[in-house]
PDB file of N, CA and C in Angstrom:
ATOM      1  N   MET A   1      -2.268  82.762  -9.992  1.00  0.00           N
ATOM      2  CA  MET A   1      -3.029  82.079 -10.078  1.00  0.00           C
ATOM      3  C   MET A   1      -4.004  81.843 -11.782  1.00  0.00           C
ATOM      4  N   GLU A   2      -3.982  80.426 -11.990  1.00  0.00           N
ATOM      5  CA  GLU A   2      -4.882  80.330 -13.401  1.00  0.00           C
ATOM      6  C   GLU A   2      -6.159  80.685 -13.551  1.00  0.00           C
ATOM      7  N   ASN A   3      -6.718  80.520 -14.635  1.00  0.00           N
ATOM      8  CA  ASN A   3      -7.550  81.314 -14.685  1.00  0.00           C
ATOM      9  C   ASN A   3      -8.618  80.068 -14.480  1.00  0.00           C
ATOM     10  N   PRO A   4      -9.863  80.378 -13.594  1.00  0.00           N
ATOM     11  CA  PRO A   4     -11.026  78.937 -13.603  1.00  0.00           C
ATOM     12  C   PRO A   4     -11.565  78.565 -14.255  1.00  0.00           C
ATOM     13  N   GLN A   5     -11.635  77.458 -14.795  1.00  0.00           N
ATOM     14  CA  GLN A   5     -12.470  76.424 -15.416  1.00  0.00           C
ATOM     15  C   GLN A   5     -13.969  76.185 -15.218  1.00  0.00           C
ATOM     16  N   TYR A   6     -14.163  76.651 -16.164  1.00  0.00           N
ATOM     17  CA  TYR A   6     -16.261  76.046 -15.922  1.00  0.00           C
ATOM     18  C   TYR A   6     -16.785  74.817 -16.340  1.00  0.00           C
ATOM     19  N   LEU A   7     -17.040  73.770 -15.388  1.00  0.00           N
ATOM     20  CA  LEU A   7     -17.525  72.608 -17.025  1.00  0.00           C
ATOM     21  C   LEU A   7     -19.057  72.463 -16.591  1.00  0.00           C
ATOM     22  N   ARG A   8     -19.671  71.877 -17.528  1.00  0.00           N
ATOM     23  CA  ARG A   8     -21.241  71.590 -17.401  1.00  0.00           C
ATOM     24  C   ARG A   8     -21.722  70.192 -17.611  1.00  0.00           C
ATOM     25  N   LEU A   9     -20.925  68.951 -17.417  1.00  0.00           N
ATOM     26  CA  LEU A   9     -21.395  67.942 -17.595  1.00  0.00           C
ATOM     27  C   LEU A   9     -22.671  67.457 -17.640  1.00  0.00           C
ATOM     28  N   GLN A  10     -22.657  66.081 -18.617  1.00  0.00           N
ATOM     29  CA  GLN A  10     -24.311  65.597 -18.669  1.00  0.00           C
ATOM     30  C   GLN A  10     -24.319  64.846 -17.818  1.00  0.00           C
ATOM     31  N   PRO A  11     -25.551  64.538 -17.091  1.00  0.00           N
ATOM     32  CA  PRO A  11     -25.069  63.222 -15.908  1.00  0.00           C
ATOM     33  C   PRO A  11     -24.739  62.361 -16.152  1.00  0.00           C
ATOM     34  N   SER A  12     -24.188  61.560 -17.243  1.00  0.00           N
ATOM     35  CA  SER A  12     -23.935  60.194 -17.107  1.00  0.00           C
ATOM     36  C   SER A  12     -22.452  60.911 -17.328  1.00  0.00           C
ATOM     37  N   LYS A  13     -21.673  61.600 -18.074  1.00  0.00           N
ATOM     38  CA  LYS A  13     -20.428  62.239 -17.659  1.00  0.00           C
ATOM     39  C   LYS A  13     -20.404  62.339 -16.555  1.00  0.00           C
ATOM     40  N   ALA A  14     -21.156  63.143 -15.743  1.00  0.00           N
ATOM     41  CA  ALA A  14     -20.836  63.514 -14.469  1.00  0.00           C
ATOM     42  C   ALA A  14     -20.373  62.022 -13.114  1.00  0.00           C
ATOM     43  N   VAL A  15     -21.484  61.080 -13.642  1.00  0.00           N
ATOM     44  CA  VAL A  15     -21.034  59.814 -13.015  1.00  0.00           C
ATOM     45  C   VAL A  15     -20.186  59.223 -13.274  1.00  0.00           C
ATOM     46  N   VAL A  16     -19.281  59.350 -14.809  1.00  0.00           N
ATOM     47  CA  VAL A  16     -18.231  58.514 -14.858  1.00  0.00           C
ATOM     48  C   VAL A  16     -16.925  59.695 -14.149  1.00  0.00           C
ATOM     49  N   ALA A  17     -17.119  60.610 -14.007  1.00  0.00           N
ATOM     50  CA  ALA A  17     -15.847  61.689 -13.490  1.00  0.00           C
ATOM     51  C   ALA A  17     -15.742  61.015 -12.035  1.00  0.00           C
ATOM     52  N   ARG A  18     -17.447  61.117 -11.130  1.00  0.00           N
ATOM     53  CA  ARG A  18     -17.020  60.459  -9.533  1.00  0.00           C
ATOM     54  C   ARG A  18     -16.771  59.640  -9.559  1.00  0.00           C
ATOM     55  N   MET A  19     -17.076  58.184 -10.859  1.00  0.00           N
ATOM     56  CA  MET A  19     -16.348  56.738 -10.611  1.00  0.00           C
ATOM     57  C   MET A  19     -14.691  57.200 -10.799  1.00  0.00           C
ATOM     58  N   ALA A  20     -14.495  58.073 -11.808  1.00  0.00           N
ATOM     59  CA  ALA A  20     -13.040  57.808 -11.749  1.00  0.00           C
ATOM     60  C   ALA A  20     -12.418  58.588 -10.639  1.00  0.00           C
ATOM     61  N   ALA A  21     -12.908  59.521 -10.449  1.00  0.00           N
ATOM     62  CA  ALA A  21     -12.751  59.885  -9.064  1.00  0.00           C
ATOM     63  C   ALA A  21     -11.652  59.256  -7.629  1.00  0.00           C
ATOM     64  N   THR A  22     -12.900  58.257  -7.809  1.00  0.00           N
ATOM     65  CA  THR A  22     -13.102  57.319  -6.988  1.00  0.00           C
ATOM     66  C   THR A  22     -11.720  56.227  -6.915  1.00  0.00           C
ATOM     67  N   ILE A  23     -11.679  55.622  -8.276  1.00  0.00           N
ATOM     68  CA  ILE A  23     -10.802  54.926  -8.626  1.00  0.00           C
ATOM     69  C   ILE A  23      -9.349  55.638  -8.641  1.00  0.00           C
ATOM     70  N   PHE A  24      -9.450  56.717  -8.776  1.00  0.00           N
ATOM     71  CA  PHE A  24      -8.070  57.462  -8.641  1.00  0.00           C
ATOM     72  C   PHE A  24      -7.629  57.550  -7.120  1.00  0.00           C
ATOM     73  N   ALA A  25      -8.812  57.700  -5.974  1.00  0.00           N
ATOM     74  CA  ALA A  25      -8.461  58.096  -4.730  1.00  0.00           C
ATOM     75  C   ALA A  25      -8.047  56.514  -3.831  1.00  0.00           C
ATOM     76  N   GLY A  26      -8.363  55.494  -4.936  1.00  0.00           N
ATOM     77  CA  GLY A  26      -7.889  54.213  -4.592  1.00  0.00           C
ATOM     78  C   GLY A  26      -6.412  53.918  -5.297  1.00  0.00           C
ATOM     79  N   PHE A  27      -6.088  54.667  -6.048  1.00  0.00           N
ATOM     80  CA  PHE A  27      -4.519  54.466  -6.546  1.00  0.00           C
ATOM     81  C   PHE A  27      -3.878  55.605  -5.655  1.00  0.00           C
ATOM     82  N   VAL A  28      -4.487  56.599  -4.920  1.00  0.00           N
ATOM     83  CA  VAL A  28      -3.436  57.076  -4.242  1.00  0.00           C
ATOM     84  C   VAL A  28      -3.229  56.824  -2.811  1.00  0.00           C
ATOM     85  N   GLN A  29      -4.613  56.079  -2.405  1.00  0.00           N
ATOM     86  CA  GLN A  29      -4.201  55.929  -1.020  1.00  0.00           C
ATOM     87  C   GLN A  29      -3.647  54.447  -0.785  1.00  0.00           C
ATOM     88  N   GLN A  30      -3.422  53.596  -2.635  1.00  0.00           N
ATOM     89  CA  GLN A  30      -2.469  52.487  -2.256  1.00  0.00           C
ATOM     90  C   GLN A  30      -0.453  53.293  -2.645  1.00  0.00           C
ATOM     91  N   GLY A  31      -0.743  53.997  -2.484  1.00  0.00           N
ATOM     92  CA  GLY A  31       0.685  55.016  -2.660  1.00  0.00           C
ATOM     93  C   GLY A  31       1.113  54.818  -3.858  1.00  0.00           C
ATOM     94  N   GLN A  32       0.490  54.798  -4.687  1.00  0.00           N
ATOM     95  CA  GLN A  32       0.709  54.635  -6.628  1.00  0.00           C
ATOM     96  C   GLN A  32       0.778  55.963  -7.047  1.00  0.00           C
ATOM     97  N   LEU A  33       0.598  57.070  -6.283  1.00  0.00           N
ATOM     98  CA  LEU A  33       0.711  58.195  -6.929  1.00  0.00           C
ATOM     99  C   LEU A  33       2.061  58.852  -6.875  1.00  0.00           C
ATOM    100  N   ARG A  34       2.957  59.548  -8.143  1.00  0.00           N
ATOM    101  CA  ARG A  34       4.101  60.120  -8.108  1.00  0.00           C
ATOM    102  C   ARG A  34       4.187  60.935  -9.058  1.00  0.00           C
ATOM    103  N   GLU A  35       4.760  62.182  -8.651  1.00  0.00           N
ATOM    104  CA  GLU A  35       5.097  63.209  -9.313  1.00  0.00           C
ATOM    105  C   GLU A  35       5.048  62.844 -11.364  1.00  0.00           C
ATOM    106  N   ASP A  36       5.241  61.809 -11.709  1.00  0.00           N
ATOM    107  CA  ASP A  36       6.109  61.680 -12.806  1.00  0.00           C
ATOM    108  C   ASP A  36       4.567  60.433 -13.366  1.00  0.00           C
ATOM    109  N   ASN A  37       4.280  60.314 -12.975  1.00  0.00           N
ATOM    110  CA  ASN A  37       2.201  59.319 -12.853  1.00  0.00           C
ATOM    111  C   ASN A  37       0.850  59.609 -13.026  1.00  0.00           C
ATOM    112  N   GLU A  38       1.034  61.249 -12.659  1.00  0.00           N
ATOM    113  CA  GLU A  38       0.148  61.915 -12.204  1.00  0.00           C
ATOM    114  C   GLU A  38      -0.870  61.433 -13.122  1.00  0.00           C
ATOM    115  N   GLY A  39      -0.783  61.640 -14.612  1.00  0.00           N
ATOM    116  CA  GLY A  39      -1.696  61.799 -16.291  1.00  0.00           C
ATOM    117  C   GLY A  39      -2.033  60.696 -16.521  1.00  0.00           C
ATOM    118  N   ASP A  40      -0.637  59.200 -16.283  1.00  0.00           N
ATOM    119  CA  ASP A  40      -1.422  58.143 -16.645  1.00  0.00           C
ATOM    120  C   ASP A  40      -2.539  57.526 -15.361  1.00  0.00           C
ATOM    121  N   LEU A  41      -1.963  58.007 -14.488  1.00  0.00           N
ATOM    122  CA  LEU A  41      -3.103  57.708 -13.009  1.00  0.00           C
ATOM    123  C   LEU A  41      -4.695  57.876 -13.600  1.00  0.00           C
ATOM    124  N   VAL A  42      -4.556  59.299 -14.055  1.00  0.00           N
ATOM    125  CA  VAL A  42      -5.766  59.839 -14.214  1.00  0.00           C
ATOM    126  C   VAL A  42      -6.314  59.139 -15.662  1.00  0.00           C
ATOM    127  N   GLU A  43      -5.312  58.958 -16.963  1.00  0.00           N
ATOM    128  CA  GLU A  43      -6.146  58.435 -17.271  1.00  0.00           C
ATOM    129  C   GLU A  43      -6.423  56.690 -17.242  1.00  0.00           C
ATOM    130  N   ARG A  44      -5.464  55.759 -16.927  1.00  0.00           N
ATOM    131  CA  ARG A  44      -6.328  54.423 -16.139  1.00  0.00           C
ATOM    132  C   ARG A  44      -7.768  55.097 -15.134  1.00  0.00           C
ATOM    133  N   SER A  45      -7.709  55.766 -14.413  1.00  0.00           N
ATOM    134  CA  SER A  45      -8.941  55.806 -13.594  1.00  0.00           C
ATOM    135  C   SER A  45     -10.280  56.052 -14.810  1.00  0.00           C
ATOM    136  N   VAL A  46     -10.296  56.654 -15.361  1.00  0.00           N
ATOM    137  CA  VAL A  46     -11.223  57.671 -16.755  1.00  0.00           C
ATOM    138  C   VAL A  46     -11.483  56.245 -17.592  1.00  0.00           C
ATOM    139  N   VAL A  47     -10.670  55.711 -17.759  1.00  0.00           N
ATOM    140  CA  VAL A  47     -10.798  54.351 -18.879  1.00  0.00           C
ATOM    141  C   VAL A  47     -11.471  53.016 -17.881  1.00  0.00           C
ATOM    142  N   LEU A  48     -10.812  52.853 -16.378  1.00  0.00           N
ATOM    143  CA  LEU A  48     -11.689  51.990 -15.245  1.00  0.00           C
ATOM    144  C   LEU A  48     -13.195  52.090 -15.717  1.00  0.00           C
ATOM    145  N   ALA A  49     -12.979  53.734 -14.701  1.00  0.00           N
ATOM    146  CA  ALA A  49     -14.747  54.279 -15.166  1.00  0.00           C
ATOM    147  C   ALA A  49     -15.682  54.267 -16.271  1.00  0.00           C
ATOM    148  N   ILE A  50     -15.213  54.375 -17.553  1.00  0.00           N
ATOM    149  CA  ILE A  50     -15.924  53.848 -18.525  1.00  0.00           C
ATOM    150  C   ILE A  50     -16.125  52.524 -18.929  1.00  0.00           C
ATOM    151  N   LYS A  51     -15.177  51.816 -18.413  1.00  0.00           N
ATOM    152  CA  LYS A  51     -15.094  50.291 -18.563  1.00  0.00           C
ATOM    153  C   LYS A  51     -16.118  49.740 -17.614  1.00  0.00           C
ATOM    154  N   LEU A  52     -16.705  50.213 -16.326  1.00  0.00           N
ATOM    155  CA  LEU A  52     -17.544  50.328 -15.482  1.00  0.00           C
ATOM    156  C   LEU A  52     -18.754  50.226 -16.196  1.00  0.00           C
ATOM    157  N   ALA A  53     -19.053  51.620 -16.566  1.00  0.00           N
ATOM    158  CA  ALA A  53     -19.984  52.545 -17.087  1.00  0.00           C
ATOM    159  C   ALA A  53     -20.878  51.661 -17.754  1.00  0.00           C
ATOM    160  N   ASN A  54     -19.881  51.360 -19.313  1.00  0.00           N
ATOM    161  CA  ASN A  54     -20.509  50.216 -20.093  1.00  0.00           C
ATOM    162  C   ASN A  54     -21.077  48.691 -19.938  1.00  0.00           C
ATOM    163  N   ARG A  55     -20.068  48.265 -18.639  1.00  0.00           N
ATOM    164  CA  ARG A  55     -20.797  47.000 -18.765  1.00  0.00           C
ATOM    165  C   ARG A  55     -21.877  46.593 -17.863  1.00  0.00           C
ATOM    166  N   THR A  56     -21.870  47.983 -16.806  1.00  0.00           N
ATOM    167  CA  THR A  56     -22.939  48.009 -16.245  1.00  0.00           C
ATOM    168  C   THR A  56     -24.385  48.490 -17.228  1.00  0.00           C
ATOM    169  N   GLU A  57     -24.162  49.118 -17.598  1.00  0.00           N
ATOM    170  CA  GLU A  57     -25.143  49.313 -19.143  1.00  0.00           C
ATOM    171  C   GLU A  57     -25.331  48.150 -19.690  1.00  0.00           C
ATOM    172  N   ALA A  58     -24.448  47.584 -20.039  1.00  0.00           N
ATOM    173  CA  ALA A  58     -25.039  46.666 -20.811  1.00  0.00           C
ATOM    174  C   ALA A  58     -26.053  45.002 -20.392  1.00  0.00           C
ATOM    175  N   LEU A  59     -25.618  45.583 -18.608  1.00  0.00           N
ATOM    176  CA  LEU A  59     -26.284  43.838 -17.929  1.00  0.00           C
ATOM    177  C   LEU A  59     -27.466  44.454 -16.621  1.00  0.00           C
ATOM    178  N   VAL A  60     -27.407  45.907 -16.945  1.00  0.00           N
ATOM    179  CA  VAL A  60     -28.935  46.211 -15.591  1.00  0.00           C
ATOM    180  C   VAL A  60     -30.128  46.937 -16.616  1.00  0.00           C
ATOM    181  N   THR A  61     -31.358  46.483 -16.748  1.00  0.00           N
ATOM    182  CA  THR A  61     -32.095  46.887 -17.450  1.00  0.00           C
ATOM    183  C   THR A  61     -32.668  48.040 -16.156  1.00  0.00           C
ATOM    184  N   THR A  62     -32.960  49.434 -16.618  1.00  0.00           N
ATOM    185  CA  THR A  62     -33.886  50.024 -16.116  1.00  0.00           C
ATOM    186  C   THR A  62     -35.006  49.748 -16.293  1.00  0.00           C
ATOM    187  N   ASP A  63     -36.204  50.749 -15.433  1.00  0.00           N
ATOM    188  CA  ASP A  63     -37.184  50.532 -15.556  1.00  0.00           C
ATOM    189  C   ASP A  63     -37.759  51.115 -17.078  1.00  0.00           C
ATOM    190  N   GLU A  64     -37.167  52.395 -17.545  1.00  0.00           N
ATOM    191  CA  GLU A  64     -37.754  52.953 -18.580  1.00  0.00           C
ATOM    192  C   GLU A  64     -37.117  51.783 -19.977  1.00  0.00           C
ATOM    193  N   GLU A  65     -36.354  51.372 -19.600  1.00  0.00           N
ATOM    194  CA  GLU A  65     -35.879  50.275 -20.798  1.00  0.00           C
ATOM    195  C   GLU A  65     -37.205  49.284 -21.117  1.00  0.00           C
ATOM    196  N   PHE A  66     -37.719  49.225 -20.208  1.00  0.00           N
ATOM    197  CA  PHE A  66     -38.384  47.636 -20.261  1.00  0.00           C
ATOM    198  C   PHE A  66     -40.342  48.334 -20.017  1.00  0.00           C
ATOM    199  N   THR A  67     -40.243  49.481 -19.518  1.00  0.00           N
ATOM    200  CA  THR A  67     -42.179  50.061 -19.489  1.00  0.00           C
ATOM    201  C   THR A  67     -41.850  51.160 -20.319  1.00  0.00           C
ATOM    202  N   PRO A  68     -43.363  50.934 -20.998  1.00  0.00           N
ATOM    203  CA  PRO A  68     -43.579  52.385 -21.583  1.00  0.00           C
ATOM    204  C   PRO A  68     -43.537  53.277 -21.046  1.00  0.00           C
ATOM    205  N   GLN A  69     -42.994  54.623 -21.587  1.00  0.00           N
ATOM    206  CA  GLN A  69     -42.780  55.884 -21.346  1.00  0.00           C
ATOM    207  C   GLN A  69     -44.065  56.194 -20.584  1.00  0.00           C
ATOM    208  N   ASP A  70     -45.054  56.570 -21.269  1.00  0.00           N
ATOM    209  CA  ASP A  70     -46.265  56.900 -20.699  1.00  0.00           C
ATOM    210  C   ASP A  70     -47.225  56.369 -19.507  1.00  0.00           C
ATOM    211  N   THR A  71     -46.445  55.279 -19.115  1.00  0.00           N
ATOM    212  CA  THR A  71     -47.184  54.810 -18.207  1.00  0.00           C
ATOM    213  C   THR A  71     -46.691  54.613 -17.005  1.00  0.00           C
ATOM    214  N   GLY A  72     -45.420  55.094 -16.784  1.00  0.00           N
ATOM    215  CA  GLY A  72     -44.474  55.379 -15.297  1.00  0.00           C
ATOM    216  C   GLY A  72     -43.997  54.193 -15.127  1.00  0.00           C
ATOM    217  N   SER A  73     -43.847  53.922 -13.914  1.00  0.00           N
ATOM    218  CA  SER A  73     -43.132  52.929 -13.693  1.00  0.00           C
ATOM    219  C   SER A  73     -43.301  52.065 -13.150  1.00  0.00           C
ATOM    220  N   SER A  74     -42.389  50.680 -13.273  1.00  0.00           N
ATOM    221  CA  SER A  74     -43.061  49.371 -13.458  1.00  0.00           C
ATOM    222  C   SER A  74     -43.624  48.666 -12.411  1.00  0.00           C
ATOM    223  N   PHE A  75     -43.844  49.809 -11.161  1.00  0.00           N
ATOM    224  CA  PHE A  75     -44.132  48.677 -10.048  1.00  0.00           C
ATOM    225  C   PHE A  75     -45.996  49.002  -9.840  1.00  0.00           C
ATOM    226  N   LEU A  76     -46.597  47.854  -9.130  1.00  0.00           N
ATOM    227  CA  LEU A  76     -47.708  48.148  -9.637  1.00  0.00           C
ATOM    228  C   LEU A  76     -48.776  48.885  -8.555  1.00  0.00           C
ATOM    229  N   VAL A  77     -49.278  49.328  -8.452  1.00  0.00           N
ATOM    230  CA  VAL A  77     -49.652  50.095  -7.238  1.00  0.00           C
ATOM    231  C   VAL A  77     -51.157  49.361  -7.689  1.00  0.00           C
ATOM    232  N   GLY A  78     -51.337  48.783  -6.083  1.00  0.00           N
ATOM    233  CA  GLY A  78     -52.825  48.217  -5.122  1.00  0.00           C
ATOM    234  C   GLY A  78     -53.840  48.719  -5.059  1.00  0.00           C
TER     235      GLY A  78
END
């Protein structure tokens, strides 16, 4: 048995890893996975996940990005 590996990913990296896993699962479901291309599909999955994350970052503005940090949420309390 191989030595166990322990990872402690930062939250943003964990999101990208989950996205990559979903993309990889799509490749598997489409029957694209073969023994000789597993590494390539993993690499493609991660690259696509990073592209998606970067594009999301460019297009989506969060509360914290347009609301002063000390005032909390952008929602108004009535």
